[in-house]
Amino acid sequence: MSEIKPMVLIENMKKKVCMHSDVYFRTNKQTGKVYTGKLCNPSTEAPSAAQVKAKARFAKVVAAVRAVLADPTEKAKLQAEFKSQTKYGSLLGYAMHKLNANYDANGDLIGD
């Protein structure tokens, strides 16, 4: 079986080709493989209360991760922890995991 080598344009592409497309591209930075996916049957209904709640919680976690990664001393501590583990492949993924545990189901900071 032969391996397909994508053209350079597709190799460096991520997200959608244009706003009208429903095909997404993503390149794995570690292996260099290009993956595509298509959004089929997107929901046309309004999000449920649980979905809105989960989105708000995720936004709080992302804001906390950005704040930690912007602080040089906090980022250095997190990088040291990240280097001593093997489960997560990126510092951002590890930070999301670490800080996600600090928020309850309502998106409130635990311990406050």
C-alpha atoms as a PDB file:
ATOM      1  CA  MET A   1       0.000   0.000   0.000  1.00  0.00           C
ATOM      2  CA  SER A   2       1.340   3.405  -0.907  1.00  0.00           C
ATOM      3  CA  GLU A   3       1.372   6.477   1.273  1.00  0.00           C
ATOM      4  CA  ILE A   4      -0.185   9.674   0.006  1.00  0.00           C
ATOM      5  CA  LYS A   5       1.909  12.802   0.357  1.00  0.00           C
ATOM      6  CA  PRO A   6      -0.342  15.885   0.409  1.00  0.00           C
ATOM      7  CA  MET A   7       0.656  18.983  -1.489  1.00  0.00           C
ATOM      8  CA  VAL A   8       2.414  21.703   0.508  1.00  0.00           C
ATOM      9  CA  LEU A   9      -0.686  23.898   0.599  1.00  0.00           C
ATOM     10  CA  ILE A  10      -2.732  21.215   2.406  1.00  0.00           C
ATOM     11  CA  GLU A  11       0.194  20.125   4.579  1.00  0.00           C
ATOM     12  CA  ASN A  12       0.247  23.471   6.409  1.00  0.00           C
ATOM     13  CA  MET A  13      -3.494  24.010   6.469  1.00  0.00           C
ATOM     14  CA  LYS A  14      -5.636  23.992   9.569  1.00  0.00           C
ATOM     15  CA  LYS A  15      -9.314  24.586  10.204  1.00  0.00           C
ATOM     16  CA  LYS A  16     -11.511  25.220   7.149  1.00  0.00           C
ATOM     17  CA  VAL A  17     -10.506  26.184   3.629  1.00  0.00           C
ATOM     18  CA  CYS A  18     -13.188  28.885   3.507  1.00  0.00           C
ATOM     19  CA  MET A  19     -16.229  29.882   5.532  1.00  0.00           C
ATOM     20  CA  HIS A  20     -18.557  27.968   3.181  1.00  0.00           C
ATOM     21  CA  SER A  21     -16.669  24.684   3.473  1.00  0.00           C
ATOM     22  CA  ASP A  22     -17.606  21.900   5.850  1.00  0.00           C
ATOM     23  CA  VAL A  23     -14.272  20.051   5.549  1.00  0.00           C
ATOM     24  CA  TYR A  24     -11.703  20.650   8.285  1.00  0.00           C
ATOM     25  CA  PHE A  25      -7.947  20.047   8.084  1.00  0.00           C
ATOM     26  CA  ARG A  26      -5.542  19.418  10.961  1.00  0.00           C
ATOM     27  CA  THR A  27      -1.847  18.486  10.900  1.00  0.00           C
ATOM     28  CA  ASN A  28      -0.413  16.446  13.765  1.00  0.00           C
ATOM     29  CA  LYS A  29       2.728  18.375  14.724  1.00  0.00           C
ATOM     30  CA  GLN A  30       4.503  15.317  16.134  1.00  0.00           C
ATOM     31  CA  THR A  31       3.918  12.918  13.234  1.00  0.00           C
ATOM     32  CA  GLY A  32       3.313  15.361  10.407  1.00  0.00           C
ATOM     33  CA  LYS A  33       0.180  13.477   9.277  1.00  0.00           C
ATOM     34  CA  VAL A  34      -2.695  15.514   7.885  1.00  0.00           C
ATOM     35  CA  TYR A  35      -6.199  14.612   9.046  1.00  0.00           C
ATOM     36  CA  THR A  36      -9.456  15.773   7.532  1.00  0.00           C
ATOM     37  CA  GLY A  37     -12.958  15.673   8.868  1.00  0.00           C
ATOM     38  CA  LYS A  38     -16.354  16.739   7.671  1.00  0.00           C
ATOM     39  CA  LEU A  39     -19.099  18.259   9.766  1.00  0.00           C
ATOM     40  CA  CYS A  40     -22.196  16.218   8.957  1.00  0.00           C
ATOM     41  CA  ASN A  41     -25.707  17.095  10.090  1.00  0.00           C
ATOM     42  CA  PRO A  42     -24.875  20.060  12.327  1.00  0.00           C
ATOM     43  CA  SER A  43     -27.501  20.832  14.930  1.00  0.00           C
ATOM     44  CA  THR A  44     -29.973  23.534  14.040  1.00  0.00           C
ATOM     45  CA  GLU A  45     -31.596  23.599  17.471  1.00  0.00           C
ATOM     46  CA  ALA A  46     -30.816  26.107  20.183  1.00  0.00           C
ATOM     47  CA  PRO A  47     -28.298  24.816  22.754  1.00  0.00           C
ATOM     48  CA  SER A  48     -29.756  23.215  25.866  1.00  0.00           C
ATOM     49  CA  ALA A  49     -29.247  24.667  29.332  1.00  0.00           C
ATOM     50  CA  ALA A  50     -26.634  21.990  30.082  1.00  0.00           C
ATOM     51  CA  GLN A  51     -24.710  22.870  26.892  1.00  0.00           C
ATOM     52  CA  VAL A  52     -24.754  26.580  27.731  1.00  0.00           C
ATOM     53  CA  LYS A  53     -23.533  25.769  31.252  1.00  0.00           C
ATOM     54  CA  ALA A  54     -20.714  23.558  29.905  1.00  0.00           C
ATOM     55  CA  LYS A  55     -19.673  26.271  27.438  1.00  0.00           C
ATOM     56  CA  ALA A  56     -19.515  28.888  30.203  1.00  0.00           C
ATOM     57  CA  ARG A  57     -17.453  26.531  32.409  1.00  0.00           C
ATOM     58  CA  PHE A  58     -15.050  25.825  29.547  1.00  0.00           C
ATOM     59  CA  ALA A  59     -14.650  29.575  28.926  1.00  0.00           C
ATOM     60  CA  LYS A  60     -13.672  30.080  32.575  1.00  0.00           C
ATOM     61  CA  VAL A  61     -11.091  27.278  32.386  1.00  0.00           C
ATOM     62  CA  VAL A  62      -9.618  28.711  29.164  1.00  0.00           C
ATOM     63  CA  ALA A  63      -9.369  32.176  30.750  1.00  0.00           C
ATOM     64  CA  ALA A  64      -7.562  30.663  33.758  1.00  0.00           C
ATOM     65  CA  VAL A  65      -5.147  28.764  31.495  1.00  0.00           C
ATOM     66  CA  ARG A  66      -4.355  31.930  29.540  1.00  0.00           C
ATOM     67  CA  ALA A  67      -3.705  33.816  32.775  1.00  0.00           C
ATOM     68  CA  VAL A  68      -1.351  31.100  34.070  1.00  0.00           C
ATOM     69  CA  LEU A  69       0.549  30.870  30.780  1.00  0.00           C
ATOM     70  CA  ALA A  70       0.916  34.671  30.669  1.00  0.00           C
ATOM     71  CA  ASP A  71       2.589  34.742  34.103  1.00  0.00           C
ATOM     72  CA  PRO A  72       6.282  33.744  33.682  1.00  0.00           C
ATOM     73  CA  THR A  73       6.718  32.236  37.173  1.00  0.00           C
ATOM     74  CA  GLU A  74       3.497  30.214  36.995  1.00  0.00           C
ATOM     75  CA  LYS A  75       4.362  29.083  33.474  1.00  0.00           C
ATOM     76  CA  ALA A  76       7.831  27.933  34.588  1.00  0.00           C
ATOM     77  CA  LYS A  77       6.304  25.857  37.415  1.00  0.00           C
ATOM     78  CA  LEU A  78       3.784  24.346  35.029  1.00  0.00           C
ATOM     79  CA  GLN A  79       6.501  23.549  32.476  1.00  0.00           C
ATOM     80  CA  ALA A  80       8.514  21.706  35.129  1.00  0.00           C
ATOM     81  CA  GLU A  81       5.451  19.603  36.017  1.00  0.00           C
ATOM     82  CA  PHE A  82       4.698  19.054  32.324  1.00  0.00           C
ATOM     83  CA  LYS A  83       8.205  17.748  31.612  1.00  0.00           C
ATOM     84  CA  SER A  84       7.950  15.191  34.422  1.00  0.00           C
ATOM     85  CA  GLN A  85       4.831  13.529  32.958  1.00  0.00           C
ATOM     86  CA  THR A  86       4.218  11.607  29.731  1.00  0.00           C
ATOM     87  CA  LYS A  87       0.421  11.523  29.384  1.00  0.00           C
ATOM     88  CA  TYR A  88      -0.070  14.939  27.769  1.00  0.00           C
ATOM     89  CA  GLY A  89       1.724  15.961  24.574  1.00  0.00           C
ATOM     90  CA  SER A  90       1.458  19.728  24.893  1.00  0.00           C
ATOM     91  CA  LEU A  91       1.808  22.272  27.666  1.00  0.00           C
ATOM     92  CA  LEU A  92      -1.592  23.721  26.765  1.00  0.00           C
ATOM     93  CA  GLY A  93      -3.263  20.297  27.062  1.00  0.00           C
ATOM     94  CA  TYR A  94      -1.574  19.690  30.401  1.00  0.00           C
ATOM     95  CA  ALA A  95      -2.591  23.134  31.679  1.00  0.00           C
ATOM     96  CA  MET A  96      -6.203  22.520  30.611  1.00  0.00           C
ATOM     97  CA  HIS A  97      -6.176  19.223  32.508  1.00  0.00           C
ATOM     98  CA  LYS A  98      -4.643  20.737  35.642  1.00  0.00           C
ATOM     99  CA  LEU A  99      -6.891  23.783  35.819  1.00  0.00           C
ATOM    100  CA  ASN A 100     -10.046  21.943  34.770  1.00  0.00           C
ATOM    101  CA  ALA A 101      -9.993  20.137  38.116  1.00  0.00           C
ATOM    102  CA  ASN A 102     -10.162  23.508  39.915  1.00  0.00           C
ATOM    103  CA  TYR A 103     -13.712  24.232  38.686  1.00  0.00           C
ATOM    104  CA  ASP A 104     -16.968  22.559  39.730  1.00  0.00           C
ATOM    105  CA  ALA A 105     -19.852  21.649  37.411  1.00  0.00           C
ATOM    106  CA  ASN A 106     -21.270  25.183  37.650  1.00  0.00           C
ATOM    107  CA  GLY A 107     -17.977  26.751  36.570  1.00  0.00           C
ATOM    108  CA  ASP A 108     -17.217  28.137  40.006  1.00  0.00           C
ATOM    109  CA  LEU A 109     -13.671  28.029  41.340  1.00  0.00           C
ATOM    110  CA  ILE A 110     -13.345  25.290  43.956  1.00  0.00           C
ATOM    111  CA  GLY A 111     -12.002  26.519  47.280  1.00  0.00           C
ATOM    112  CA  ASP A 112     -13.364  30.060  47.050  1.00  0.00           C
END
